N, C-alpha and C. Protein backbone atom coordinates (compact mmCIF):
# COMPACT_ATOMS: atom_id res chain seq x y z
N MET A 1 -35.14 -33.27 6.25
CA MET A 1 -34.68 -32.10 6.57
C MET A 1 -35.79 -31.11 6.63
N GLU A 2 -35.96 -30.30 7.76
CA GLU A 2 -36.88 -29.45 7.82
C GLU A 2 -36.57 -28.04 7.40
N PRO A 3 -37.54 -27.26 6.83
CA PRO A 3 -37.08 -26.08 6.43
C PRO A 3 -36.79 -25.13 7.69
N ALA A 4 -35.86 -24.03 7.45
CA ALA A 4 -35.52 -23.12 8.70
C ALA A 4 -36.65 -22.36 8.89
N ASP A 5 -36.75 -22.27 10.43
CA ASP A 5 -37.75 -21.62 11.11
C ASP A 5 -37.52 -20.19 10.72
N GLU A 6 -38.74 -19.45 10.21
CA GLU A 6 -38.50 -18.14 9.77
C GLU A 6 -38.27 -17.23 11.03
N GLY A 7 -38.39 -17.65 12.18
CA GLY A 7 -38.12 -16.72 13.33
C GLY A 7 -36.70 -17.16 14.00
N SER A 8 -36.04 -17.88 13.16
CA SER A 8 -34.58 -18.28 13.79
C SER A 8 -33.71 -17.03 13.61
N ALA A 9 -32.76 -17.14 14.62
CA ALA A 9 -31.78 -15.97 14.47
C ALA A 9 -31.09 -15.93 13.23
N SER A 10 -30.78 -16.89 12.50
CA SER A 10 -30.04 -16.91 11.15
C SER A 10 -30.97 -16.37 10.13
N MET A 11 -32.19 -16.13 10.16
CA MET A 11 -32.96 -15.56 9.16
C MET A 11 -33.31 -14.04 9.68
N ARG A 12 -33.01 -13.65 10.68
CA ARG A 12 -33.57 -12.22 11.11
C ARG A 12 -32.57 -11.15 10.61
N HIS A 13 -31.23 -11.42 10.24
CA HIS A 13 -30.41 -10.17 10.12
C HIS A 13 -29.64 -10.48 8.58
N ASP A 14 -29.46 -9.44 8.19
CA ASP A 14 -28.62 -9.43 6.76
C ASP A 14 -27.40 -9.72 7.13
N PRO A 15 -26.63 -10.51 6.29
CA PRO A 15 -25.18 -10.60 6.43
C PRO A 15 -24.44 -9.32 6.50
N VAL A 16 -23.29 -9.22 7.28
CA VAL A 16 -22.35 -8.30 7.12
C VAL A 16 -20.95 -8.60 6.57
N PHE A 17 -20.66 -7.75 5.42
CA PHE A 17 -19.40 -7.98 4.78
C PHE A 17 -18.55 -6.97 5.06
N GLU A 18 -17.17 -7.37 5.27
CA GLU A 18 -16.24 -6.32 5.49
C GLU A 18 -15.13 -6.61 4.48
N THR A 19 -14.59 -5.41 3.91
CA THR A 19 -13.53 -5.46 2.94
C THR A 19 -12.21 -5.64 3.67
N VAL A 20 -11.65 -6.66 3.73
CA VAL A 20 -10.18 -7.03 4.15
C VAL A 20 -9.11 -6.16 3.57
N TRP A 21 -9.05 -6.12 2.21
CA TRP A 21 -8.13 -5.33 1.64
C TRP A 21 -8.66 -5.21 0.03
N ALA A 22 -8.29 -4.01 -0.39
CA ALA A 22 -8.61 -3.83 -1.74
C ALA A 22 -7.73 -2.60 -2.22
N PRO A 23 -7.25 -2.72 -3.42
CA PRO A 23 -6.30 -1.77 -3.97
C PRO A 23 -6.95 -0.22 -3.91
N PRO A 24 -6.24 0.83 -3.56
CA PRO A 24 -7.02 2.04 -3.53
C PRO A 24 -7.57 2.58 -4.80
N GLY A 25 -8.76 3.13 -4.66
CA GLY A 25 -9.30 3.61 -5.74
C GLY A 25 -9.30 5.27 -5.91
N TRP A 26 -9.92 5.74 -6.94
CA TRP A 26 -10.03 7.19 -7.04
C TRP A 26 -11.17 7.69 -6.13
N ALA A 27 -11.13 9.05 -6.07
CA ALA A 27 -12.25 9.75 -5.61
C ALA A 27 -13.73 9.33 -6.18
N TRP A 28 -14.71 9.30 -5.53
CA TRP A 28 -16.01 8.93 -6.08
C TRP A 28 -16.84 10.21 -6.42
N THR A 29 -16.16 11.18 -6.14
CA THR A 29 -17.07 12.47 -6.65
C THR A 29 -16.21 13.65 -7.26
N THR A 30 -16.74 14.38 -7.98
CA THR A 30 -15.95 15.54 -8.59
C THR A 30 -17.12 16.65 -8.90
N ASP A 31 -16.59 17.81 -8.97
CA ASP A 31 -17.49 18.92 -9.18
C ASP A 31 -17.54 19.43 -10.58
N GLY A 32 -16.52 18.73 -11.37
CA GLY A 32 -16.36 19.26 -12.74
C GLY A 32 -17.03 18.37 -13.73
N PRO A 33 -16.79 18.59 -15.01
CA PRO A 33 -17.35 17.73 -16.16
C PRO A 33 -16.85 16.21 -16.06
N VAL A 34 -17.62 15.33 -16.63
CA VAL A 34 -17.36 13.82 -16.45
C VAL A 34 -17.48 13.23 -17.91
N ARG A 35 -16.54 12.40 -18.32
CA ARG A 35 -16.74 11.80 -19.56
C ARG A 35 -17.40 10.18 -19.09
N TYR A 36 -18.32 9.89 -19.91
CA TYR A 36 -18.99 8.52 -19.65
C TYR A 36 -19.44 7.78 -20.77
N VAL A 37 -19.73 6.59 -20.60
CA VAL A 37 -20.39 5.88 -21.66
C VAL A 37 -21.49 5.01 -21.05
N THR A 38 -22.47 4.73 -21.94
CA THR A 38 -23.56 3.62 -21.56
C THR A 38 -23.25 2.38 -21.77
N VAL A 39 -23.11 1.63 -20.63
CA VAL A 39 -22.73 0.14 -20.74
C VAL A 39 -24.11 -0.53 -21.00
N THR A 40 -24.02 -1.63 -21.75
CA THR A 40 -25.29 -2.47 -22.16
C THR A 40 -24.95 -3.89 -21.58
N LEU A 41 -25.98 -4.62 -21.27
CA LEU A 41 -25.81 -6.04 -21.06
C LEU A 41 -27.05 -6.58 -21.78
N SER A 42 -26.72 -7.50 -22.99
CA SER A 42 -27.65 -8.26 -23.77
C SER A 42 -28.39 -6.96 -24.49
N GLY A 43 -27.96 -5.88 -24.76
CA GLY A 43 -28.52 -4.80 -25.44
C GLY A 43 -29.26 -3.79 -24.47
N ALA A 44 -29.56 -4.35 -23.21
CA ALA A 44 -30.24 -3.37 -22.35
C ALA A 44 -29.32 -2.37 -21.68
N PRO A 45 -29.59 -1.21 -21.42
CA PRO A 45 -28.71 -0.31 -20.40
C PRO A 45 -28.33 -0.98 -19.20
N LEU A 46 -27.23 -0.81 -18.74
CA LEU A 46 -26.88 -1.36 -17.51
C LEU A 46 -26.42 -0.22 -16.51
N GLY A 47 -25.72 0.77 -16.98
CA GLY A 47 -25.26 1.83 -16.24
C GLY A 47 -24.18 2.56 -16.89
N GLN A 48 -23.57 3.50 -16.03
CA GLN A 48 -22.53 4.41 -16.91
C GLN A 48 -21.30 4.52 -16.02
N PRO A 49 -20.15 4.12 -16.38
CA PRO A 49 -18.81 4.24 -15.87
C PRO A 49 -18.47 5.64 -16.27
N TRP A 50 -18.07 6.31 -15.39
CA TRP A 50 -17.38 7.80 -15.73
C TRP A 50 -15.94 8.11 -15.17
N ALA A 51 -15.48 9.00 -15.69
CA ALA A 51 -14.09 9.56 -15.35
C ALA A 51 -14.20 10.95 -15.43
N ALA A 52 -13.73 11.66 -14.17
CA ALA A 52 -13.59 13.12 -14.22
C ALA A 52 -12.50 13.71 -15.28
N CYS A 53 -13.02 14.90 -15.82
CA CYS A 53 -12.10 15.29 -17.01
C CYS A 53 -10.90 16.05 -16.31
N ALA A 54 -10.94 16.52 -15.26
CA ALA A 54 -9.97 17.38 -14.49
C ALA A 54 -9.39 16.77 -13.19
N ASP A 55 -10.26 16.05 -12.58
CA ASP A 55 -9.83 15.57 -11.29
C ASP A 55 -9.51 14.06 -11.30
N ASP A 56 -8.94 13.61 -10.00
CA ASP A 56 -8.64 12.30 -10.07
C ASP A 56 -9.67 11.47 -9.44
N ALA A 57 -10.82 11.26 -10.16
CA ALA A 57 -12.04 10.73 -9.81
C ALA A 57 -12.79 9.89 -10.81
N ALA A 58 -13.30 8.58 -10.55
CA ALA A 58 -13.99 7.89 -11.34
C ALA A 58 -15.01 6.98 -10.78
N GLY A 59 -15.98 6.36 -11.32
CA GLY A 59 -16.95 5.62 -10.77
C GLY A 59 -17.94 5.02 -11.70
N PHE A 60 -19.03 4.37 -11.12
CA PHE A 60 -20.10 3.82 -12.00
C PHE A 60 -21.35 4.12 -11.40
N ILE A 61 -22.31 4.63 -12.11
CA ILE A 61 -23.60 4.77 -11.73
C ILE A 61 -24.50 3.69 -12.48
N PRO A 62 -25.30 2.83 -11.68
CA PRO A 62 -26.14 2.04 -12.24
C PRO A 62 -27.41 2.77 -12.88
N GLY A 63 -27.83 2.06 -14.01
CA GLY A 63 -29.06 2.59 -14.61
C GLY A 63 -30.27 2.45 -13.76
N GLY A 64 -31.21 3.49 -13.79
CA GLY A 64 -32.45 3.51 -12.92
C GLY A 64 -33.34 2.17 -13.05
N SER A 65 -33.21 1.49 -14.35
CA SER A 65 -34.11 0.40 -14.44
C SER A 65 -33.22 -0.99 -14.54
N SER A 66 -32.11 -0.87 -13.96
CA SER A 66 -31.16 -2.04 -14.13
C SER A 66 -31.25 -3.03 -13.01
N GLY A 67 -31.92 -2.45 -11.76
CA GLY A 67 -32.16 -3.32 -10.73
C GLY A 67 -30.86 -4.02 -10.21
N ALA A 68 -31.05 -5.39 -9.80
CA ALA A 68 -29.82 -6.09 -9.25
C ALA A 68 -28.76 -6.21 -10.15
N LEU A 69 -28.96 -6.31 -11.40
CA LEU A 69 -27.82 -6.35 -12.40
C LEU A 69 -26.98 -5.17 -12.41
N GLY A 70 -27.65 -3.93 -12.08
CA GLY A 70 -27.02 -2.84 -12.08
C GLY A 70 -26.11 -2.65 -10.91
N LYS A 71 -26.71 -3.25 -9.80
CA LYS A 71 -26.00 -3.26 -8.41
C LYS A 71 -24.70 -4.09 -8.49
N ASN A 72 -24.93 -5.52 -9.32
CA ASN A 72 -23.90 -6.30 -9.27
C ASN A 72 -22.70 -5.69 -10.35
N ALA A 73 -23.24 -4.95 -11.31
CA ALA A 73 -22.25 -4.25 -12.18
C ALA A 73 -21.42 -3.24 -11.53
N THR A 74 -21.88 -2.62 -10.44
CA THR A 74 -21.42 -1.40 -9.75
C THR A 74 -20.10 -2.08 -8.95
N VAL A 75 -20.34 -3.34 -8.36
CA VAL A 75 -19.35 -4.05 -7.68
C VAL A 75 -18.10 -4.31 -8.66
N ARG A 76 -18.55 -4.94 -9.94
CA ARG A 76 -17.44 -5.24 -10.72
C ARG A 76 -16.79 -4.12 -11.51
N TRP A 77 -17.47 -2.95 -11.50
CA TRP A 77 -16.78 -1.74 -12.16
C TRP A 77 -15.81 -1.22 -10.97
N VAL A 78 -16.25 -1.17 -9.62
CA VAL A 78 -15.50 -0.64 -8.74
C VAL A 78 -13.99 -1.35 -8.64
N ALA A 79 -14.29 -2.80 -8.70
CA ALA A 79 -13.13 -3.64 -8.87
C ALA A 79 -12.09 -3.28 -10.20
N ARG A 80 -12.84 -3.12 -11.35
CA ARG A 80 -11.98 -2.72 -12.33
C ARG A 80 -11.34 -1.49 -12.19
N LEU A 81 -12.08 -0.28 -11.60
CA LEU A 81 -11.46 0.77 -11.58
C LEU A 81 -10.17 0.77 -10.60
N ARG A 82 -10.30 0.01 -9.55
CA ARG A 82 -9.27 0.00 -8.51
C ARG A 82 -8.09 -0.63 -9.26
N GLU A 83 -8.37 -1.75 -10.05
CA GLU A 83 -7.17 -2.44 -10.62
C GLU A 83 -6.59 -1.58 -11.56
N ALA A 84 -7.33 -0.66 -12.32
CA ALA A 84 -6.84 0.29 -13.42
C ALA A 84 -5.72 1.11 -12.57
N LYS A 85 -6.23 1.69 -11.59
CA LYS A 85 -5.52 2.61 -10.71
C LYS A 85 -4.19 1.85 -10.18
N ALA A 86 -4.30 0.80 -9.73
CA ALA A 86 -3.08 0.03 -9.28
C ALA A 86 -2.08 -0.24 -10.40
N ARG A 87 -2.58 -0.29 -11.63
CA ARG A 87 -1.70 -0.34 -12.87
C ARG A 87 -1.22 0.79 -13.28
N GLY A 88 -1.50 2.01 -12.78
CA GLY A 88 -1.11 3.25 -13.08
C GLY A 88 -1.78 4.10 -14.28
N LEU A 89 -3.04 3.52 -14.41
CA LEU A 89 -3.88 4.30 -15.40
C LEU A 89 -4.47 5.61 -14.89
N SER A 90 -4.85 6.51 -15.73
CA SER A 90 -5.51 7.61 -15.28
C SER A 90 -7.04 7.23 -15.23
N PRO A 91 -7.86 8.00 -14.58
CA PRO A 91 -9.38 7.83 -14.69
C PRO A 91 -9.76 7.54 -16.13
N LEU A 92 -9.44 8.41 -17.03
CA LEU A 92 -9.82 8.52 -18.38
C LEU A 92 -9.38 7.21 -19.12
N GLY A 93 -8.18 6.83 -18.95
CA GLY A 93 -7.61 5.71 -19.38
C GLY A 93 -8.26 4.42 -18.90
N ALA A 94 -8.60 4.29 -17.66
CA ALA A 94 -9.36 3.28 -17.22
C ALA A 94 -10.90 3.10 -17.83
N LEU A 95 -11.47 4.29 -18.05
CA LEU A 95 -12.69 4.36 -18.74
C LEU A 95 -12.61 3.71 -20.19
N ARG A 96 -11.45 4.12 -20.89
CA ARG A 96 -11.31 3.73 -22.37
C ARG A 96 -10.73 2.35 -22.48
N GLU A 97 -10.19 1.78 -21.30
CA GLU A 97 -9.58 0.46 -21.39
C GLU A 97 -10.40 -0.61 -21.82
N TRP A 98 -11.74 -0.57 -21.52
CA TRP A 98 -12.60 -1.59 -21.72
C TRP A 98 -13.49 -1.34 -23.01
N ALA A 99 -13.35 -0.42 -23.64
CA ALA A 99 -14.07 0.01 -24.95
C ALA A 99 -13.85 -1.07 -26.03
N GLY A 100 -15.02 -1.58 -26.47
CA GLY A 100 -14.83 -2.50 -27.63
C GLY A 100 -14.66 -3.93 -27.27
N ARG A 101 -14.24 -4.23 -26.06
CA ARG A 101 -13.99 -5.69 -25.66
C ARG A 101 -15.27 -6.39 -25.65
N ASP A 102 -15.10 -7.76 -25.53
CA ASP A 102 -16.37 -8.62 -25.47
C ASP A 102 -17.24 -8.36 -24.14
N GLU A 103 -18.57 -8.61 -24.35
CA GLU A 103 -19.40 -8.25 -23.26
C GLU A 103 -19.22 -9.24 -22.15
N ASP A 104 -19.02 -8.68 -20.87
CA ASP A 104 -18.79 -9.24 -19.58
C ASP A 104 -20.25 -9.59 -19.03
N ALA A 105 -20.36 -10.83 -18.58
CA ALA A 105 -21.66 -11.19 -17.96
C ALA A 105 -22.11 -10.31 -16.67
N GLU A 106 -21.20 -9.72 -16.13
CA GLU A 106 -21.39 -8.82 -14.93
C GLU A 106 -21.39 -7.50 -15.18
N SER A 107 -20.28 -6.92 -15.96
CA SER A 107 -20.10 -5.51 -16.15
C SER A 107 -20.53 -5.04 -17.42
N GLY A 108 -20.99 -5.87 -18.30
CA GLY A 108 -21.63 -5.47 -19.69
C GLY A 108 -20.48 -5.16 -20.77
N PHE A 109 -21.15 -4.42 -21.77
CA PHE A 109 -20.44 -4.09 -22.92
C PHE A 109 -20.23 -2.61 -23.07
N VAL A 110 -18.89 -2.30 -23.21
CA VAL A 110 -18.66 -0.76 -23.47
C VAL A 110 -18.30 -0.44 -24.96
N PRO A 111 -19.20 0.30 -25.52
CA PRO A 111 -19.15 0.53 -26.90
C PRO A 111 -17.93 1.50 -27.21
N GLU A 112 -17.37 1.29 -28.25
CA GLU A 112 -16.12 1.97 -28.68
C GLU A 112 -16.54 3.38 -29.40
N GLY A 113 -15.77 4.43 -29.05
CA GLY A 113 -16.02 5.58 -29.72
C GLY A 113 -17.38 6.43 -29.45
N ILE A 114 -17.98 6.11 -28.25
CA ILE A 114 -19.29 6.79 -28.00
C ILE A 114 -19.21 7.24 -26.65
N GLU A 115 -17.95 7.90 -26.38
CA GLU A 115 -17.80 8.58 -24.98
C GLU A 115 -18.55 9.99 -24.99
N LEU A 116 -19.15 10.29 -24.08
CA LEU A 116 -19.91 11.71 -23.94
C LEU A 116 -19.47 12.35 -22.74
N THR A 117 -19.82 13.63 -22.68
CA THR A 117 -19.49 14.49 -21.50
C THR A 117 -20.55 14.96 -20.89
N ALA A 118 -20.73 14.91 -19.59
CA ALA A 118 -21.76 15.48 -18.68
C ALA A 118 -21.24 16.74 -18.04
N GLY A 119 -21.93 17.70 -17.86
CA GLY A 119 -21.47 18.87 -17.06
C GLY A 119 -21.01 18.72 -15.77
N ASN A 120 -21.50 17.81 -14.99
CA ASN A 120 -21.18 17.40 -13.73
C ASN A 120 -21.83 16.14 -13.36
N LEU A 121 -21.37 15.66 -12.15
CA LEU A 121 -21.60 14.18 -11.69
C LEU A 121 -23.26 14.20 -11.47
N ALA A 122 -23.89 15.48 -10.93
CA ALA A 122 -25.26 15.45 -10.65
C ALA A 122 -26.14 15.18 -12.01
N ASP A 123 -25.69 15.99 -13.10
CA ASP A 123 -26.23 15.83 -14.51
C ASP A 123 -26.23 14.19 -14.77
N LEU A 124 -24.95 13.64 -14.62
CA LEU A 124 -24.85 12.29 -15.01
C LEU A 124 -25.92 11.31 -14.25
N THR A 125 -25.95 11.63 -13.03
CA THR A 125 -26.69 10.85 -12.11
C THR A 125 -28.27 10.81 -12.49
N GLU A 126 -28.63 12.11 -12.90
CA GLU A 126 -29.98 12.30 -13.46
C GLU A 126 -30.19 11.69 -14.81
N LEU A 127 -29.02 11.47 -15.66
CA LEU A 127 -29.31 10.91 -16.86
C LEU A 127 -29.38 9.26 -16.66
N ALA A 128 -28.52 8.69 -15.83
CA ALA A 128 -28.58 7.36 -15.34
C ALA A 128 -29.95 6.88 -14.80
N ALA A 129 -30.47 7.81 -13.92
CA ALA A 129 -31.70 7.47 -13.49
C ALA A 129 -32.84 7.08 -14.39
N ASN A 130 -32.73 7.66 -15.52
CA ASN A 130 -33.61 7.51 -16.61
C ASN A 130 -33.33 6.42 -17.51
N LEU A 131 -32.17 5.55 -17.35
CA LEU A 131 -31.95 4.62 -18.30
C LEU A 131 -32.75 3.42 -18.11
């Protein structure tokens, strides 16, 4: 079997993925303060799931040095947050649901009792960039 020709059509374009269905999620932005935790994977910072203190918003910001692991964790956290909303949890309830559970190979470990507050999402984004 010969290797694929680098010039072939199958090698020139990135695959396109379309979401067929997903449970509704919360808004991905807020202007107010957010609660967050730093999630780790094998002890290294992975990123920060967050929940708005006053709005119906939640999300995940990968750490600046987490690379592909952080991007993969983002996908898993988006799914977790959507599932939590579908079960009727608040954004803060969803953030707290995973605290202290065993480390997950994709979404990491959420420490218990180490929830912090950032003044706004821009501040948290800056913090996450320095992880």
